[in-house]
Amino acid sequence: MVRLVLDNQGRVLRDDKGHARGRGAYVCRSSLCFEKLRRGDCLNRAFKKKGPLQIHEDLWLSEY
């Protein structure tokens, strides 16, 4: 599982070390999960935000 957090500019970032405070969302590492995140609004619900969130594919492609 990967923990995702939202920064002040509305970008979704991976929290590898678990240092970010506040609301986070846990997601599996599969490409299928990534596609569901891009198409759905589950991150908006998790972060309690409206509007588009910036989710980049390199979030998944980089090393863990």
N, C-alpha and C. Protein backbone atom coordinates (compact mmCIF):
# COMPACT_ATOMS: atom_id res chain seq x y z
N MET A 1 0.84 -1.18 0.00
CA MET A 1 0.00 0.00 0.00
C MET A 1 0.89 1.25 0.00
N VAL A 2 0.38 2.27 -0.63
CA VAL A 2 1.07 3.55 -0.74
C VAL A 2 0.19 4.61 -0.08
N ARG A 3 0.82 5.46 0.72
CA ARG A 3 0.07 6.56 1.33
C ARG A 3 0.22 7.78 0.45
N LEU A 4 -0.91 8.39 0.12
CA LEU A 4 -0.93 9.61 -0.67
C LEU A 4 -1.40 10.76 0.19
N VAL A 5 -0.82 11.92 -0.02
CA VAL A 5 -1.21 13.13 0.69
C VAL A 5 -1.42 14.23 -0.32
N LEU A 6 -2.06 15.30 0.12
CA LEU A 6 -2.35 16.43 -0.74
C LEU A 6 -1.55 17.62 -0.22
N ASP A 7 -0.79 18.27 -1.13
CA ASP A 7 -0.02 19.45 -0.70
C ASP A 7 -0.89 20.70 -0.82
N ASN A 8 -0.32 21.83 -0.47
CA ASN A 8 -1.07 23.10 -0.45
C ASN A 8 -1.51 23.56 -1.84
N GLN A 9 -0.84 23.10 -2.90
CA GLN A 9 -1.21 23.48 -4.26
C GLN A 9 -2.20 22.51 -4.90
N GLY A 10 -2.69 21.54 -4.17
CA GLY A 10 -3.65 20.58 -4.70
C GLY A 10 -3.02 19.44 -5.46
N ARG A 11 -1.72 19.21 -5.27
CA ARG A 11 -1.04 18.10 -5.94
C ARG A 11 -1.04 16.88 -5.03
N VAL A 12 -1.29 15.73 -5.62
CA VAL A 12 -1.25 14.48 -4.88
C VAL A 12 0.19 13.98 -4.87
N LEU A 13 0.73 13.77 -3.67
CA LEU A 13 2.10 13.32 -3.50
C LEU A 13 2.14 12.00 -2.75
N ARG A 14 3.16 11.22 -3.02
CA ARG A 14 3.36 9.96 -2.29
C ARG A 14 4.13 10.27 -1.00
N ASP A 15 3.66 9.72 0.10
CA ASP A 15 4.30 9.93 1.41
C ASP A 15 5.02 8.64 1.78
N ASP A 16 6.22 8.46 1.23
CA ASP A 16 6.96 7.21 1.42
C ASP A 16 7.37 6.96 2.87
N LYS A 17 7.72 7.99 3.58
CA LYS A 17 8.25 7.83 4.93
C LYS A 17 7.19 7.99 6.01
N GLY A 18 6.00 8.42 5.65
CA GLY A 18 4.94 8.60 6.63
C GLY A 18 5.12 9.83 7.50
N HIS A 19 5.83 10.83 6.99
CA HIS A 19 6.11 12.04 7.76
C HIS A 19 5.04 13.11 7.61
N ALA A 20 4.28 13.07 6.54
CA ALA A 20 3.29 14.12 6.31
C ALA A 20 2.15 13.98 7.31
N ARG A 21 1.78 15.08 7.87
CA ARG A 21 0.66 15.09 8.82
C ARG A 21 -0.63 15.40 8.09
N GLY A 22 -1.72 15.06 8.73
CA GLY A 22 -3.02 15.38 8.16
C GLY A 22 -3.62 14.21 7.41
N ARG A 23 -4.61 14.54 6.64
CA ARG A 23 -5.40 13.54 5.93
C ARG A 23 -4.57 12.87 4.84
N GLY A 24 -4.71 11.57 4.74
CA GLY A 24 -4.03 10.80 3.71
C GLY A 24 -4.96 9.73 3.15
N ALA A 25 -4.54 9.12 2.08
CA ALA A 25 -5.30 8.04 1.45
C ALA A 25 -4.34 6.91 1.13
N TYR A 26 -4.76 5.69 1.39
CA TYR A 26 -3.94 4.52 1.09
C TYR A 26 -4.47 3.83 -0.14
N VAL A 27 -3.54 3.49 -1.04
CA VAL A 27 -3.89 2.89 -2.33
C VAL A 27 -2.91 1.77 -2.63
N CYS A 28 -3.39 0.72 -3.28
CA CYS A 28 -2.47 -0.35 -3.68
C CYS A 28 -1.58 0.14 -4.82
N ARG A 29 -0.51 -0.58 -5.09
CA ARG A 29 0.49 -0.13 -6.05
C ARG A 29 0.23 -0.56 -7.49
N SER A 30 -0.87 -1.21 -7.76
CA SER A 30 -1.11 -1.72 -9.11
C SER A 30 -1.51 -0.61 -10.08
N SER A 31 -1.26 -0.84 -11.34
CA SER A 31 -1.64 0.14 -12.36
C SER A 31 -3.16 0.25 -12.49
N LEU A 32 -3.87 -0.82 -12.17
CA LEU A 32 -5.33 -0.77 -12.19
C LEU A 32 -5.86 0.22 -11.15
N CYS A 33 -5.26 0.21 -9.97
CA CYS A 33 -5.66 1.17 -8.93
C CYS A 33 -5.38 2.60 -9.38
N PHE A 34 -4.24 2.80 -10.04
CA PHE A 34 -3.90 4.14 -10.53
C PHE A 34 -4.94 4.62 -11.53
N GLU A 35 -5.36 3.77 -12.44
CA GLU A 35 -6.36 4.16 -13.43
C GLU A 35 -7.69 4.50 -12.76
N LYS A 36 -8.07 3.75 -11.74
CA LYS A 36 -9.30 4.05 -11.02
C LYS A 36 -9.21 5.41 -10.34
N LEU A 37 -8.05 5.75 -9.81
CA LEU A 37 -7.86 7.06 -9.17
C LEU A 37 -8.02 8.18 -10.19
N ARG A 38 -7.46 8.01 -11.35
CA ARG A 38 -7.51 9.06 -12.38
C ARG A 38 -8.92 9.27 -12.90
N ARG A 39 -9.70 8.21 -12.98
CA ARG A 39 -11.05 8.32 -13.55
C ARG A 39 -12.11 8.68 -12.53
N GLY A 40 -11.92 8.27 -11.30
CA GLY A 40 -12.95 8.45 -10.29
C GLY A 40 -12.75 9.67 -9.42
N ASP A 41 -13.59 9.77 -8.42
CA ASP A 41 -13.49 10.89 -7.49
C ASP A 41 -13.18 10.42 -6.07
N CYS A 42 -12.61 9.22 -5.94
CA CYS A 42 -12.35 8.68 -4.61
C CYS A 42 -11.32 9.51 -3.84
N LEU A 43 -10.33 10.09 -4.52
CA LEU A 43 -9.38 10.94 -3.81
C LEU A 43 -10.03 12.25 -3.37
N ASN A 44 -10.94 12.77 -4.16
CA ASN A 44 -11.67 13.96 -3.74
C ASN A 44 -12.45 13.68 -2.46
N ARG A 45 -13.07 12.53 -2.38
CA ARG A 45 -13.79 12.16 -1.16
C ARG A 45 -12.83 11.97 0.00
N ALA A 46 -11.71 11.29 -0.25
CA ALA A 46 -10.74 11.02 0.82
C ALA A 46 -10.15 12.31 1.38
N PHE A 47 -9.86 13.27 0.50
CA PHE A 47 -9.25 14.53 0.94
C PHE A 47 -10.28 15.62 1.23
N LYS A 48 -11.55 15.30 1.01
CA LYS A 48 -12.65 16.25 1.23
C LYS A 48 -12.41 17.54 0.45
N LYS A 49 -12.07 17.38 -0.84
CA LYS A 49 -11.82 18.51 -1.73
C LYS A 49 -12.70 18.39 -2.96
N LYS A 50 -13.10 19.53 -3.50
CA LYS A 50 -13.85 19.55 -4.76
C LYS A 50 -12.94 20.04 -5.86
N GLY A 51 -13.26 19.66 -7.07
CA GLY A 51 -12.48 20.10 -8.22
C GLY A 51 -11.37 19.13 -8.54
N PRO A 52 -10.65 19.41 -9.62
CA PRO A 52 -9.61 18.49 -10.09
C PRO A 52 -8.39 18.48 -9.16
N LEU A 53 -7.83 17.31 -8.98
CA LEU A 53 -6.58 17.14 -8.25
C LEU A 53 -5.51 16.75 -9.26
N GLN A 54 -4.30 17.20 -9.05
CA GLN A 54 -3.20 16.89 -9.97
C GLN A 54 -2.58 15.55 -9.58
N ILE A 55 -2.86 14.53 -10.39
CA ILE A 55 -2.31 13.20 -10.17
C ILE A 55 -1.45 12.87 -11.39
N HIS A 56 -0.18 12.66 -11.19
CA HIS A 56 0.72 12.39 -12.29
C HIS A 56 1.11 10.92 -12.33
N GLU A 57 1.28 10.40 -13.53
CA GLU A 57 1.61 9.00 -13.71
C GLU A 57 2.95 8.64 -13.06
N ASP A 58 3.89 9.59 -13.01
CA ASP A 58 5.19 9.29 -12.40
C ASP A 58 5.07 9.00 -10.91
N LEU A 59 3.93 9.30 -10.33
CA LEU A 59 3.68 8.95 -8.94
C LEU A 59 3.77 7.44 -8.76
N TRP A 60 3.32 6.69 -9.76
CA TRP A 60 3.34 5.24 -9.71
C TRP A 60 4.61 4.64 -10.30
N LEU A 61 5.20 5.29 -11.28
CA LEU A 61 6.30 4.70 -12.01
C LEU A 61 7.63 4.75 -11.27
N SER A 62 7.80 5.69 -10.35
CA SER A 62 9.08 5.82 -9.67
C SER A 62 9.28 4.68 -8.67
N GLU A 63 10.52 4.48 -8.28
CA GLU A 63 10.89 3.39 -7.38
C GLU A 63 10.27 3.57 -6.00
N TYR A 64 10.02 2.45 -5.35
CA TYR A 64 9.47 2.49 -3.99
C TYR A 64 10.56 2.16 -3.01
